[in-house]
Amino acid sequence: MIIDDDADDRALFIEAVREIDSSIICLSADNGQKALELLHDTNSPLPDYIILDLRMPRYSGKRCLFEIKKNARLKHIPVIIYTTSKNVEESNELFRMGAVHFMTKPRNAEEIYYLASFILGEQWISSKHIGQPEDENG
């Protein structure tokens, strides 16, 4: 799932993901409030990852991250912050809140493709699993 108020950024990211693996279904939302509505819909499948922009109208990315991480059904989903900000203090706060990675928004299609391939190629550990032993099912 990509959550970003910039329609071009959402479209480029989804296009990059489809180019990497056309079988992947990408959910998207243009603000945190809409994203949370989708995520709270128990009839919809949960995403494997959430790519979250920080600077958005209605619910900011920070507020959206807070809401995701306080929800038992959602908190295990790795959230990757995707923003124009390069504020180290802010990135540290977001890590403490449960984000698994902080990335500066790409400036062109090549960088977006790299970002998508990096995200899809990593084994993200969510805050749910940190410090907890795995059960028999992994």
Protein backbone atom coordinates (compact mmCIF):
# COMPACT_ATOMS: atom_id res chain seq x y z
CA MET A 1 0.00 0.00 0.00
CA ILE A 2 1.23 3.45 -0.85
CA ILE A 3 -0.18 6.45 1.00
CA ASP A 4 0.75 9.74 -0.66
CA ASP A 5 -1.18 12.88 -1.56
CA ASP A 6 0.81 13.27 -4.79
CA ALA A 7 -1.06 11.36 -7.53
CA ASP A 8 2.01 11.27 -9.81
CA ASP A 9 4.18 9.75 -7.07
CA ARG A 10 1.54 7.11 -6.34
CA ALA A 11 1.18 6.24 -10.02
CA LEU A 12 4.94 6.01 -10.59
CA PHE A 13 5.41 3.80 -7.54
CA ILE A 14 2.58 1.46 -8.58
CA GLU A 15 3.96 1.31 -12.13
CA ALA A 16 7.43 0.42 -10.78
CA VAL A 17 5.99 -2.35 -8.59
CA ARG A 18 4.04 -3.79 -11.55
CA GLU A 19 7.18 -3.71 -13.68
CA ILE A 20 9.02 -5.71 -11.00
CA ASP A 21 6.19 -8.20 -10.47
CA SER A 22 2.89 -7.82 -12.32
CA SER A 23 1.11 -10.18 -9.91
CA ILE A 24 1.45 -7.74 -6.98
CA ILE A 25 -1.70 -5.81 -6.10
CA CYS A 26 -1.05 -2.26 -4.92
CA LEU A 27 -3.53 -0.46 -2.72
CA SER A 28 -3.28 3.30 -2.56
CA ALA A 29 -4.72 6.25 -0.69
CA ASP A 30 -4.21 9.98 -1.11
CA ASN A 31 -4.28 10.75 2.62
CA GLY A 32 -3.94 9.05 5.98
CA GLN A 33 -7.65 9.16 6.78
CA LYS A 34 -8.59 7.25 3.61
CA ALA A 35 -5.74 4.81 4.20
CA LEU A 36 -6.97 4.03 7.70
CA GLU A 37 -10.50 3.50 6.38
CA LEU A 38 -9.14 0.93 3.90
CA LEU A 39 -6.94 -0.70 6.54
CA HIS A 40 -9.82 -0.97 9.03
CA ASP A 41 -12.07 -2.64 6.45
CA THR A 42 -12.02 -6.26 7.66
CA ASN A 43 -13.29 -7.44 4.26
CA SER A 44 -10.12 -6.20 2.55
CA PRO A 45 -6.80 -8.05 2.69
CA LEU A 46 -4.02 -6.37 4.63
CA PRO A 47 -0.99 -5.13 2.72
CA ASP A 48 2.44 -6.70 3.17
CA TYR A 49 4.05 -3.25 3.43
CA ILE A 50 2.92 0.34 3.82
CA ILE A 51 4.80 3.13 2.08
CA LEU A 52 3.82 6.30 3.92
CA ASP A 53 4.38 9.94 3.00
CA LEU A 54 4.70 12.27 5.98
CA ARG A 55 3.37 15.54 4.58
CA MET A 56 -0.29 15.04 3.70
CA PRO A 57 -3.61 16.82 4.30
CA ARG A 58 -6.17 15.59 6.85
CA TYR A 59 -4.12 12.94 8.70
CA SER A 60 -0.40 13.49 8.48
CA GLY A 61 1.86 10.50 7.93
CA LYS A 62 2.95 10.72 11.56
CA ARG A 63 -0.62 10.54 12.81
CA CYS A 64 -1.36 7.69 10.40
CA LEU A 65 1.71 5.77 11.65
CA PHE A 66 0.55 6.27 15.24
CA GLU A 67 -2.93 4.93 14.40
CA ILE A 68 -1.50 1.92 12.54
CA LYS A 69 0.88 0.96 15.33
CA LYS A 70 -1.72 1.21 18.10
CA ASN A 71 -4.09 -1.16 16.26
CA ALA A 72 -3.59 -4.86 17.04
CA ARG A 73 -4.69 -5.93 13.54
CA LEU A 74 -2.34 -3.51 11.77
CA LYS A 75 0.71 -3.04 13.99
CA HIS A 76 2.64 -5.96 12.48
CA ILE A 77 2.66 -4.39 8.98
CA PRO A 78 6.07 -2.86 8.20
CA VAL A 79 5.72 0.89 7.56
CA ILE A 80 8.34 2.59 5.42
CA ILE A 81 8.37 6.38 5.66
CA TYR A 82 8.66 8.02 2.24
CA THR A 83 9.17 11.78 2.42
CA THR A 84 10.99 14.88 1.23
CA SER A 85 12.19 15.50 4.82
CA LYS A 86 15.79 14.78 5.75
CA ASN A 87 15.33 15.64 9.43
CA VAL A 88 17.35 13.11 11.46
CA GLU A 89 15.55 13.92 14.71
CA GLU A 90 12.21 13.33 13.02
CA SER A 91 13.37 10.05 11.50
CA ASN A 92 14.53 8.84 14.94
CA GLU A 93 11.13 9.69 16.39
CA LEU A 94 9.39 7.77 13.59
CA PHE A 95 11.59 4.72 14.24
CA ARG A 96 10.61 4.87 17.92
CA MET A 97 6.97 5.02 16.82
CA GLY A 98 7.39 1.80 14.84
CA ALA A 99 8.52 2.72 11.31
CA VAL A 100 10.99 0.19 9.89
CA HIS A 101 12.74 2.52 7.45
CA PHE A 102 12.95 6.21 6.52
CA MET A 103 13.56 7.10 2.84
CA THR A 104 13.87 10.38 1.01
CA LYS A 105 11.35 10.61 -1.82
CA PRO A 106 12.90 9.77 -5.17
CA ARG A 107 13.21 12.56 -7.72
CA ASN A 108 12.76 10.51 -10.90
CA ALA A 109 11.34 7.24 -12.29
CA GLU A 110 14.68 5.37 -11.98
CA GLU A 111 14.93 6.17 -8.29
CA ILE A 112 11.30 5.14 -7.74
CA TYR A 113 12.00 1.82 -9.48
CA TYR A 114 15.04 1.32 -7.23
CA LEU A 115 12.97 2.17 -4.15
CA ALA A 116 10.25 -0.31 -5.12
CA SER A 117 12.76 -3.09 -5.85
CA PHE A 118 14.55 -2.39 -2.53
CA ILE A 119 11.30 -2.56 -0.57
CA LEU A 120 10.13 -5.74 -2.28
CA GLY A 121 13.54 -7.39 -1.88
CA GLU A 122 13.97 -6.82 1.86
CA GLN A 123 12.79 -9.02 4.71
CA TRP A 124 11.25 -6.37 6.97
CA ILE A 125 10.87 -7.05 10.67
CA SER A 126 7.94 -5.26 12.18
CA SER A 127 7.80 -4.02 15.74
CA LYS A 128 5.46 -6.93 16.54
CA HIS A 129 8.31 -9.40 16.10
CA ILE A 130 11.15 -7.54 17.76
CA GLY A 131 12.25 -9.30 20.92
CA GLN A 132 9.60 -12.02 20.65
CA PRO A 133 10.36 -15.66 19.97
CA GLU A 134 8.85 -17.14 16.84
CA ASP A 135 6.03 -19.58 17.31
CA GLU A 136 5.81 -22.92 15.52
CA ASN A 137 4.25 -21.25 12.48
CA GLY A 138 7.05 -18.67 12.05
